[in-house]
């Protein structure tokens, strides 16, 4: 599965992409804002991520520049864990952008593309969260159409090595409107 937006091409990661993935994500300032990426981020972490089989219902993509093919990030969605309020079919969005490409609107553009993919697949709701000390991610989510749920939670970050406060967001794809998460 591929998706072309104005400036980006989203495509599945391939095993040979691991070096580009590691080069982009092996930055403590990026990894600390993710829940599941470890720090330090090793070659084996990138190799494992790139070798994970593609699942059409819950796709993961490399974010690449359409004109050059340069890998600048990753994005995807998967089922929300039951302990995090899932079980209702909600999908959870996650993404990262290499530091050299921050502030250019790529994350919002990629998020909007993935939302369209989720809608085409038939998903009805996407949720996301960001650590409170990463307000830039909240701006990305709002630009992509998400609304804050008002839910402040705690999530463990492998990159930080501890739990940190998060703020939740949700987007109702069936009604094309942002909505609060279920309590």
N, C-alpha and C. Protein backbone atom coordinates (compact mmCIF):
# COMPACT_ATOMS: atom_id res chain seq x y z
N UNK A 1 0.85 -1.17 0.00
CA UNK A 1 0.00 0.00 0.00
C UNK A 1 0.90 1.24 0.00
N UNK A 2 0.59 2.16 -0.87
CA UNK A 2 1.33 3.40 -1.02
C UNK A 2 0.34 4.56 -1.02
N UNK A 3 0.80 5.74 -0.63
CA UNK A 3 -0.05 6.92 -0.70
C UNK A 3 0.81 8.12 -1.05
N UNK A 4 0.38 8.86 -2.07
CA UNK A 4 1.11 10.06 -2.51
C UNK A 4 0.31 11.27 -2.08
N UNK A 5 0.92 12.15 -1.32
CA UNK A 5 0.30 13.43 -0.97
C UNK A 5 1.03 14.52 -1.74
N UNK A 6 0.80 15.76 -1.39
CA UNK A 6 1.40 16.86 -2.14
C UNK A 6 2.93 16.76 -2.19
N UNK A 7 3.56 16.53 -1.03
CA UNK A 7 5.03 16.51 -0.98
C UNK A 7 5.62 15.18 -0.55
N UNK A 8 4.77 14.25 -0.15
CA UNK A 8 5.25 13.02 0.47
C UNK A 8 4.78 11.78 -0.28
N UNK A 9 5.55 10.73 -0.13
CA UNK A 9 5.14 9.39 -0.53
C UNK A 9 5.22 8.53 0.71
N UNK A 10 4.09 7.96 1.11
CA UNK A 10 4.06 7.01 2.21
C UNK A 10 4.14 5.62 1.61
N UNK A 11 5.07 4.83 2.13
CA UNK A 11 5.23 3.47 1.61
C UNK A 11 5.63 2.54 2.74
N UNK A 12 5.43 1.23 2.55
CA UNK A 12 5.84 0.30 3.60
C UNK A 12 7.36 0.30 3.76
N UNK A 13 7.82 0.04 4.98
CA UNK A 13 9.27 -0.12 5.15
C UNK A 13 9.71 -1.46 4.56
N UNK A 14 10.88 -1.48 3.98
CA UNK A 14 11.48 -2.69 3.46
C UNK A 14 12.72 -3.00 4.29
N UNK A 15 13.12 -4.26 4.38
CA UNK A 15 14.28 -4.61 5.20
C UNK A 15 15.52 -3.76 4.91
N UNK A 16 15.73 -3.41 3.65
CA UNK A 16 16.92 -2.63 3.30
C UNK A 16 16.84 -1.16 3.73
N UNK A 17 15.71 -0.73 4.28
CA UNK A 17 15.55 0.65 4.74
C UNK A 17 16.09 0.87 6.15
N UNK A 18 16.56 -0.17 6.81
CA UNK A 18 16.88 -0.04 8.23
C UNK A 18 17.91 1.05 8.52
N UNK A 19 18.89 1.24 7.66
CA UNK A 19 19.90 2.27 7.92
C UNK A 19 19.28 3.67 7.89
N UNK A 20 18.40 3.91 6.93
CA UNK A 20 17.74 5.22 6.84
C UNK A 20 16.82 5.44 8.03
N UNK A 21 16.14 4.40 8.47
CA UNK A 21 15.27 4.50 9.64
C UNK A 21 16.11 4.82 10.87
N UNK A 22 17.18 4.08 11.07
CA UNK A 22 18.02 4.32 12.24
C UNK A 22 18.61 5.73 12.20
N UNK A 23 19.05 6.18 11.04
CA UNK A 23 19.62 7.52 10.93
C UNK A 23 18.61 8.60 11.32
N UNK A 24 17.34 8.37 11.00
CA UNK A 24 16.32 9.37 11.30
C UNK A 24 15.81 9.36 12.72
N UNK A 25 15.70 8.17 13.30
CA UNK A 25 15.06 8.06 14.62
C UNK A 25 16.07 7.97 15.77
N UNK A 26 17.32 7.68 15.50
CA UNK A 26 18.31 7.50 16.57
C UNK A 26 18.74 8.85 17.14
N UNK A 27 17.78 9.52 17.74
CA UNK A 27 17.96 10.85 18.31
C UNK A 27 17.14 10.84 19.60
N UNK A 28 17.78 11.04 20.72
CA UNK A 28 17.08 10.96 22.00
C UNK A 28 15.89 11.92 22.06
N UNK A 29 16.01 13.07 21.41
CA UNK A 29 14.91 14.03 21.39
C UNK A 29 13.69 13.54 20.64
N UNK A 30 13.86 12.59 19.75
CA UNK A 30 12.73 11.97 19.05
C UNK A 30 12.20 10.80 19.86
N UNK A 31 13.08 9.90 20.23
CA UNK A 31 12.68 8.66 20.91
C UNK A 31 11.98 8.94 22.24
N UNK A 32 12.37 9.98 22.95
CA UNK A 32 11.74 10.26 24.24
C UNK A 32 10.28 10.65 24.08
N UNK A 33 9.86 11.02 22.87
CA UNK A 33 8.47 11.39 22.62
C UNK A 33 7.65 10.25 22.05
N UNK A 34 8.21 9.05 22.04
CA UNK A 34 7.52 7.85 21.56
C UNK A 34 7.34 6.89 22.72
N UNK A 35 6.31 6.07 22.66
CA UNK A 35 6.05 5.12 23.74
C UNK A 35 6.87 3.84 23.60
N UNK A 36 7.02 3.34 22.38
CA UNK A 36 7.58 1.99 22.23
C UNK A 36 9.00 1.91 21.72
N UNK A 37 9.56 3.00 21.25
CA UNK A 37 10.95 2.97 20.74
C UNK A 37 11.92 3.06 21.91
N UNK A 38 12.92 2.18 21.94
CA UNK A 38 13.88 2.20 23.05
C UNK A 38 14.97 3.24 22.84
N UNK A 39 15.63 3.59 23.92
CA UNK A 39 16.82 4.43 23.85
C UNK A 39 17.92 3.76 24.65
N UNK A 40 19.11 3.62 24.10
CA UNK A 40 19.48 4.02 22.74
C UNK A 40 18.81 3.13 21.69
N UNK A 41 18.61 3.70 20.52
CA UNK A 41 17.98 3.00 19.41
C UNK A 41 19.08 2.33 18.59
N UNK A 42 19.08 1.02 18.58
CA UNK A 42 20.17 0.24 17.98
C UNK A 42 19.86 -0.17 16.54
N UNK A 43 20.90 -0.62 15.85
CA UNK A 43 20.72 -1.16 14.50
C UNK A 43 19.66 -2.25 14.50
N UNK A 44 19.71 -3.13 15.51
CA UNK A 44 18.77 -4.25 15.56
C UNK A 44 17.33 -3.78 15.72
N UNK A 45 17.12 -2.65 16.40
CA UNK A 45 15.76 -2.10 16.52
C UNK A 45 15.23 -1.67 15.16
N UNK A 46 16.06 -0.98 14.39
CA UNK A 46 15.66 -0.54 13.05
C UNK A 46 15.45 -1.74 12.13
N UNK A 47 16.33 -2.73 12.22
CA UNK A 47 16.20 -3.92 11.38
C UNK A 47 14.90 -4.65 11.70
N UNK A 48 14.58 -4.78 12.97
CA UNK A 48 13.35 -5.47 13.37
C UNK A 48 12.11 -4.71 12.90
N UNK A 49 12.12 -3.39 13.07
CA UNK A 49 10.97 -2.58 12.65
C UNK A 49 10.75 -2.69 11.15
N UNK A 50 11.82 -2.63 10.39
CA UNK A 50 11.70 -2.69 8.92
C UNK A 50 11.32 -4.08 8.41
N UNK A 51 11.61 -5.10 9.19
CA UNK A 51 11.31 -6.47 8.77
C UNK A 51 9.92 -6.94 9.21
N UNK A 52 9.23 -6.14 10.00
CA UNK A 52 7.90 -6.53 10.47
C UNK A 52 6.95 -6.61 9.27
N UNK A 53 6.23 -7.73 9.14
CA UNK A 53 5.32 -7.88 8.00
C UNK A 53 4.26 -6.78 7.94
N UNK A 54 3.92 -6.39 6.73
CA UNK A 54 2.90 -5.37 6.49
C UNK A 54 1.53 -5.99 6.73
N UNK A 55 0.66 -5.28 7.44
CA UNK A 55 -0.72 -5.71 7.68
C UNK A 55 -1.64 -4.62 7.13
N UNK A 56 -2.43 -4.96 6.14
CA UNK A 56 -3.23 -3.96 5.43
C UNK A 56 -4.23 -3.23 6.32
N UNK A 57 -4.79 -3.90 7.33
CA UNK A 57 -5.78 -3.27 8.20
C UNK A 57 -5.15 -2.31 9.20
N UNK A 58 -3.86 -2.50 9.48
CA UNK A 58 -3.15 -1.65 10.44
C UNK A 58 -1.77 -1.31 9.87
N UNK A 59 -1.75 -0.51 8.82
CA UNK A 59 -0.50 -0.26 8.11
C UNK A 59 0.47 0.67 8.85
N UNK A 60 1.74 0.45 8.58
CA UNK A 60 2.84 1.32 9.01
C UNK A 60 3.54 1.77 7.75
N UNK A 61 3.96 3.00 7.73
CA UNK A 61 4.59 3.55 6.54
C UNK A 61 5.88 4.28 6.89
N UNK A 62 6.79 4.29 5.94
CA UNK A 62 7.87 5.26 5.98
C UNK A 62 7.33 6.53 5.35
N UNK A 63 7.71 7.65 5.90
CA UNK A 63 7.39 8.94 5.30
C UNK A 63 8.60 9.33 4.48
N UNK A 64 8.42 9.46 3.18
CA UNK A 64 9.54 9.83 2.30
C UNK A 64 9.18 11.09 1.52
N UNK A 65 10.20 11.84 1.15
CA UNK A 65 9.98 12.99 0.29
C UNK A 65 9.71 12.48 -1.12
N UNK A 66 8.60 12.90 -1.69
CA UNK A 66 8.19 12.38 -3.00
C UNK A 66 9.19 12.69 -4.09
N UNK A 67 9.85 13.83 -4.02
CA UNK A 67 10.76 14.20 -5.11
C UNK A 67 12.11 13.51 -5.03
N UNK A 68 12.54 13.09 -3.83
CA UNK A 68 13.87 12.48 -3.70
C UNK A 68 13.86 11.06 -3.16
N UNK A 69 12.78 10.65 -2.51
CA UNK A 69 12.72 9.34 -1.88
C UNK A 69 13.39 9.28 -0.52
N UNK A 70 13.91 10.42 -0.03
CA UNK A 70 14.57 10.44 1.27
C UNK A 70 13.59 10.06 2.38
N UNK A 71 14.01 9.15 3.25
CA UNK A 71 13.21 8.75 4.41
C UNK A 71 13.31 9.84 5.46
N UNK A 72 12.15 10.40 5.85
CA UNK A 72 12.17 11.48 6.84
C UNK A 72 11.36 11.14 8.09
N UNK A 73 10.73 9.96 8.13
CA UNK A 73 9.96 9.61 9.32
C UNK A 73 9.19 8.32 9.14
N UNK A 74 8.34 8.07 10.12
CA UNK A 74 7.49 6.90 10.11
C UNK A 74 6.13 7.25 10.67
N UNK A 75 5.10 6.54 10.23
CA UNK A 75 3.73 6.80 10.69
C UNK A 75 2.91 5.53 10.49
N UNK A 76 1.90 5.36 11.31
CA UNK A 76 1.01 4.22 11.15
C UNK A 76 -0.04 4.21 12.23
N UNK A 77 -0.89 3.20 12.17
CA UNK A 77 -1.90 3.06 13.22
C UNK A 77 -2.13 1.58 13.48
N UNK A 78 -2.58 1.32 14.69
CA UNK A 78 -2.87 -0.04 15.11
C UNK A 78 -3.95 -0.03 16.17
N UNK A 79 -4.41 -1.21 16.57
CA UNK A 79 -5.48 -1.28 17.57
C UNK A 79 -5.05 -0.65 18.89
N UNK A 80 -5.95 0.06 19.50
CA UNK A 80 -5.71 0.66 20.80
C UNK A 80 -5.79 -0.44 21.85
N UNK A 81 -4.81 -0.50 22.73
CA UNK A 81 -4.81 -1.50 23.79
C UNK A 81 -6.05 -1.35 24.67
N UNK A 82 -6.61 -2.48 25.10
CA UNK A 82 -7.80 -2.47 25.95
C UNK A 82 -7.55 -1.68 27.23
N UNK A 83 -6.36 -1.85 27.83
CA UNK A 83 -6.06 -1.11 29.06
C UNK A 83 -5.95 0.39 28.83
N UNK A 84 -5.83 0.80 27.58
CA UNK A 84 -5.78 2.23 27.23
C UNK A 84 -7.15 2.74 26.77
N UNK A 85 -8.18 1.92 26.92
CA UNK A 85 -9.52 2.34 26.52
C UNK A 85 -9.96 1.76 25.19
N UNK A 86 -9.19 0.82 24.64
CA UNK A 86 -9.53 0.21 23.37
C UNK A 86 -10.57 -0.88 23.54
N UNK A 87 -10.72 -1.68 22.52
CA UNK A 87 -11.71 -2.73 22.54
C UNK A 87 -12.96 -2.35 21.76
N UNK A 88 -13.06 -1.07 21.38
CA UNK A 88 -14.22 -0.60 20.63
C UNK A 88 -13.92 -0.44 19.15
N UNK A 89 -12.76 -0.94 18.73
CA UNK A 89 -12.36 -0.82 17.33
C UNK A 89 -11.55 0.42 17.03
N UNK A 90 -11.30 1.25 18.04
CA UNK A 90 -10.49 2.46 17.81
C UNK A 90 -9.08 2.09 17.41
N UNK A 91 -8.53 2.86 16.50
CA UNK A 91 -7.14 2.72 16.09
C UNK A 91 -6.34 3.84 16.74
N UNK A 92 -5.07 3.56 17.02
CA UNK A 92 -4.19 4.56 17.62
C UNK A 92 -3.12 4.96 16.61
N UNK A 93 -2.97 6.26 16.41
CA UNK A 93 -1.99 6.83 15.48
C UNK A 93 -0.68 7.06 16.21
N UNK A 94 0.42 6.75 15.51
CA UNK A 94 1.75 7.07 16.01
C UNK A 94 2.61 7.55 14.86
N UNK A 95 3.58 8.41 15.15
CA UNK A 95 4.43 8.95 14.09
C UNK A 95 5.69 9.54 14.68
N UNK A 96 6.68 9.72 13.82
CA UNK A 96 7.90 10.46 14.17
C UNK A 96 8.46 11.09 12.89
N UNK A 97 9.15 12.20 13.07
CA UNK A 97 9.81 12.91 11.97
C UNK A 97 11.25 13.15 12.37
N UNK A 98 12.19 12.91 11.47
CA UNK A 98 13.61 13.17 11.73
C UNK A 98 13.80 14.66 12.03
N UNK A 99 14.66 14.95 12.98
CA UNK A 99 14.85 16.33 13.46
C UNK A 99 15.12 17.33 12.33
N UNK A 100 15.89 16.94 11.33
CA UNK A 100 16.22 17.85 10.23
C UNK A 100 14.99 18.30 9.45
N UNK A 101 13.86 17.64 9.66
CA UNK A 101 12.65 17.94 8.90
C UNK A 101 11.52 18.48 9.78
N UNK A 102 11.82 18.80 11.03
CA UNK A 102 10.81 19.37 11.93
C UNK A 102 10.40 20.75 11.43
N UNK A 103 9.16 21.11 11.73
CA UNK A 103 8.68 22.47 11.47
C UNK A 103 8.30 22.77 10.03
N UNK A 104 8.19 21.75 9.21
CA UNK A 104 7.86 21.96 7.79
C UNK A 104 6.47 21.45 7.41
N UNK A 105 5.72 20.96 8.40
CA UNK A 105 4.37 20.48 8.13
C UNK A 105 4.28 19.06 7.62
N UNK A 106 5.41 18.35 7.60
CA UNK A 106 5.39 16.97 7.08
C UNK A 106 4.56 16.03 7.95
N UNK A 107 4.65 16.17 9.27
CA UNK A 107 3.90 15.27 10.15
C UNK A 107 2.40 15.45 9.95
N UNK A 108 1.94 16.69 9.86
CA UNK A 108 0.51 16.94 9.64
C UNK A 108 0.06 16.41 8.28
N UNK A 109 0.87 16.61 7.26
CA UNK A 109 0.54 16.12 5.92
C UNK A 109 0.46 14.59 5.92
N UNK A 110 1.41 13.94 6.56
CA UNK A 110 1.40 12.47 6.64
C UNK A 110 0.21 11.98 7.46
N UNK A 111 -0.10 12.67 8.55
CA UNK A 111 -1.24 12.26 9.38
C UNK A 111 -2.54 12.36 8.60
N UNK A 112 -2.72 13.44 7.85
CA UNK A 112 -3.94 13.56 7.04
C UNK A 112 -4.03 12.43 6.01
N UNK A 113 -2.91 12.05 5.43
CA UNK A 113 -2.90 10.95 4.46
C UNK A 113 -3.29 9.63 5.12
N UNK A 114 -2.74 9.37 6.29
CA UNK A 114 -3.04 8.12 7.00
C UNK A 114 -4.50 8.10 7.46
N UNK A 115 -5.04 9.25 7.81
CA UNK A 115 -6.46 9.32 8.17
C UNK A 115 -7.32 8.91 6.98
N UNK A 116 -6.97 9.37 5.79
CA UNK A 116 -7.71 8.98 4.59
C UNK A 116 -7.61 7.48 4.34
N UNK A 117 -6.44 6.93 4.57
CA UNK A 117 -6.26 5.48 4.42
C UNK A 117 -7.13 4.74 5.42
N UNK A 118 -7.13 5.18 6.67
CA UNK A 118 -7.96 4.53 7.70
C UNK A 118 -9.43 4.59 7.32
N UNK A 119 -9.85 5.72 6.79
CA UNK A 119 -11.25 5.87 6.37
C UNK A 119 -11.57 4.90 5.23
N UNK A 120 -10.66 4.79 4.25
CA UNK A 120 -10.89 3.88 3.11
C UNK A 120 -10.93 2.42 3.56
N UNK A 121 -10.11 2.08 4.55
CA UNK A 121 -10.10 0.71 5.07
C UNK A 121 -11.40 0.40 5.80
N UNK A 122 -12.03 1.43 6.36
CA UNK A 122 -13.29 1.23 7.06
C UNK A 122 -13.22 1.45 8.56
N UNK A 123 -12.12 1.99 9.05
CA UNK A 123 -12.03 2.29 10.48
C UNK A 123 -12.91 3.50 10.78
N UNK A 124 -13.49 3.50 11.97
CA UNK A 124 -14.42 4.57 12.31
C UNK A 124 -13.87 5.60 13.28
N UNK A 125 -12.78 5.28 13.95
CA UNK A 125 -12.27 6.20 14.97
C UNK A 125 -10.77 6.02 15.13
N UNK A 126 -10.07 7.14 15.22
CA UNK A 126 -8.63 7.11 15.50
C UNK A 126 -8.38 7.98 16.72
N UNK A 127 -7.54 7.47 17.60
CA UNK A 127 -7.13 8.24 18.77
C UNK A 127 -5.62 8.43 18.71
N UNK A 128 -5.14 9.39 19.45
CA UNK A 128 -3.71 9.65 19.55
C UNK A 128 -3.46 10.37 20.86
N UNK A 129 -2.23 10.39 21.27
CA UNK A 129 -1.87 11.16 22.46
C UNK A 129 -0.45 11.67 22.27
N UNK A 130 -0.11 12.66 23.08
CA UNK A 130 1.27 13.12 23.08
C UNK A 130 1.67 13.43 24.51
N UNK A 131 2.96 13.33 24.77
CA UNK A 131 3.46 13.68 26.09
C UNK A 131 3.28 15.18 26.28
N UNK A 132 2.93 15.58 27.50
CA UNK A 132 2.63 16.99 27.77
C UNK A 132 3.81 17.90 27.47
N UNK A 133 5.02 17.38 27.57
CA UNK A 133 6.19 18.22 27.29
C UNK A 133 6.56 18.23 25.81
N UNK A 134 5.64 17.78 24.96
CA UNK A 134 5.84 17.81 23.51
C UNK A 134 4.63 18.48 22.84
N UNK A 135 4.42 19.77 23.09
CA UNK A 135 3.24 20.44 22.53
C UNK A 135 3.23 20.50 21.01
N UNK A 136 4.38 20.39 20.36
CA UNK A 136 4.41 20.40 18.89
C UNK A 136 3.58 19.26 18.32
N UNK A 137 3.58 18.12 19.00
CA UNK A 137 2.79 16.98 18.54
C UNK A 137 1.30 17.28 18.64
N UNK A 138 0.90 18.02 19.66
CA UNK A 138 -0.50 18.43 19.77
C UNK A 138 -0.91 19.33 18.61
N UNK A 139 -0.01 20.20 18.18
CA UNK A 139 -0.31 21.06 17.02
C UNK A 139 -0.47 20.21 15.75
N UNK A 140 0.38 19.19 15.61
CA UNK A 140 0.27 18.28 14.46
C UNK A 140 -1.11 17.63 14.46
N UNK A 141 -1.52 17.11 15.60
CA UNK A 141 -2.81 16.41 15.69
C UNK A 141 -3.98 17.35 15.40
N UNK A 142 -3.95 18.55 15.94
CA UNK A 142 -5.04 19.50 15.67
C UNK A 142 -5.09 19.88 14.19
N UNK A 143 -3.93 20.09 13.56
CA UNK A 143 -3.90 20.40 12.13
C UNK A 143 -4.45 19.26 11.29
N UNK A 144 -4.32 18.04 11.79
CA UNK A 144 -4.82 16.86 11.06
C UNK A 144 -6.30 16.60 11.32
N UNK A 145 -6.92 17.40 12.19
CA UNK A 145 -8.35 17.26 12.42
C UNK A 145 -8.75 16.66 13.75
N UNK A 146 -7.80 16.27 14.57
CA UNK A 146 -8.10 15.70 15.88
C UNK A 146 -8.53 16.80 16.85
N UNK A 147 -9.31 16.41 17.85
CA UNK A 147 -9.70 17.32 18.92
C UNK A 147 -9.23 16.74 20.25
N UNK A 148 -8.80 17.60 21.16
CA UNK A 148 -8.42 17.10 22.49
C UNK A 148 -9.63 16.47 23.17
N UNK A 149 -9.40 15.36 23.86
CA UNK A 149 -10.48 14.68 24.57
C UNK A 149 -10.65 15.21 25.98
N UNK A 150 -9.66 15.94 26.47
CA UNK A 150 -9.68 16.39 27.86
C UNK A 150 -9.10 15.37 28.80
N UNK A 151 -8.72 14.22 28.26
CA UNK A 151 -8.18 13.14 29.09
C UNK A 151 -6.67 13.33 29.26
N UNK A 152 -6.26 13.48 30.50
CA UNK A 152 -4.84 13.50 30.85
C UNK A 152 -4.53 12.13 31.43
N UNK A 153 -3.55 11.46 30.86
CA UNK A 153 -3.19 10.13 31.32
C UNK A 153 -1.70 10.02 31.58
N UNK A 154 -1.27 8.81 31.80
CA UNK A 154 0.15 8.52 31.97
C UNK A 154 0.48 7.36 31.06
N UNK A 155 1.62 7.44 30.41
CA UNK A 155 2.06 6.37 29.53
C UNK A 155 3.54 6.15 29.72
N UNK A 156 3.91 4.87 29.70
CA UNK A 156 5.32 4.52 29.81
C UNK A 156 6.00 4.77 28.47
N UNK A 157 7.17 5.37 28.52
CA UNK A 157 7.99 5.58 27.33
C UNK A 157 9.27 4.78 27.49
N UNK A 158 9.51 3.85 26.58
CA UNK A 158 10.76 3.09 26.62
C UNK A 158 11.96 4.01 26.47
N UNK A 159 11.82 5.04 25.66
CA UNK A 159 12.92 5.97 25.42
C UNK A 159 13.27 6.79 26.65
N UNK A 160 12.28 7.12 27.46
CA UNK A 160 12.50 7.87 28.69
C UNK A 160 12.88 6.93 29.84
N UNK A 161 12.27 5.74 29.80
CA UNK A 161 12.47 4.79 30.89
C UNK A 161 11.54 5.02 32.07
N UNK A 162 10.49 5.80 31.87
CA UNK A 162 9.53 6.06 32.93
C UNK A 162 8.20 6.51 32.32
N UNK A 163 7.16 6.55 33.18
CA UNK A 163 5.86 7.06 32.76
C UNK A 163 5.87 8.57 32.76
N UNK A 164 5.15 9.15 31.82
CA UNK A 164 5.01 10.60 31.75
C UNK A 164 3.56 10.93 31.40
N UNK A 165 3.15 12.14 31.72
CA UNK A 165 1.78 12.56 31.45
C UNK A 165 1.55 12.75 29.95
N UNK A 166 0.35 12.38 29.52
CA UNK A 166 -0.06 12.53 28.13
C UNK A 166 -1.41 13.22 28.06
N UNK A 167 -1.71 13.78 26.91
CA UNK A 167 -3.03 14.33 26.65
C UNK A 167 -3.59 13.60 25.43
N UNK A 168 -4.87 13.24 25.53
CA UNK A 168 -5.50 12.45 24.48
C UNK A 168 -6.24 13.27 23.44
N UNK A 169 -6.32 12.70 22.24
CA UNK A 169 -7.03 13.30 21.11
C UNK A 169 -7.84 12.21 20.43
N UNK A 170 -8.89 12.58 19.71
CA UNK A 170 -9.69 11.61 18.97
C UNK A 170 -10.25 12.24 17.71
N UNK A 171 -10.53 11.38 16.74
CA UNK A 171 -11.13 11.80 15.48
C UNK A 171 -12.12 10.72 15.04
N UNK A 172 -13.38 11.12 14.85
CA UNK A 172 -14.43 10.21 14.39
C UNK A 172 -14.43 10.22 12.87
N UNK A 173 -14.01 9.12 12.28
CA UNK A 173 -13.94 9.05 10.82
C UNK A 173 -15.30 8.83 10.17
N UNK A 174 -16.18 8.14 10.87
CA UNK A 174 -17.50 7.87 10.30
C UNK A 174 -18.29 9.15 10.11
N UNK A 175 -18.15 10.08 11.05
CA UNK A 175 -18.89 11.33 10.96
C UNK A 175 -18.03 12.49 10.51
N UNK A 176 -16.75 12.20 10.19
CA UNK A 176 -15.82 13.24 9.76
C UNK A 176 -15.75 14.40 10.74
N UNK A 177 -15.70 14.06 12.02
CA UNK A 177 -15.57 15.13 13.00
C UNK A 177 -14.72 14.64 14.17
N UNK A 178 -14.03 15.56 14.78
CA UNK A 178 -13.27 15.23 15.98
C UNK A 178 -14.27 15.03 17.11
N UNK A 179 -13.98 14.10 18.02
CA UNK A 179 -14.88 13.86 19.13
C UNK A 179 -14.10 13.44 20.35
N UNK A 180 -14.69 13.62 21.53
CA UNK A 180 -14.00 13.21 22.75
C UNK A 180 -13.95 11.69 22.86
N UNK A 181 -12.94 11.21 23.54
CA UNK A 181 -12.80 9.77 23.78
C UNK A 181 -13.83 9.33 24.80
N UNK A 182 -14.18 8.05 24.76
CA UNK A 182 -15.07 7.50 25.76
C UNK A 182 -14.37 7.55 27.11
N UNK A 183 -15.13 7.84 28.15
CA UNK A 183 -14.55 7.96 29.49
C UNK A 183 -14.19 6.62 30.07
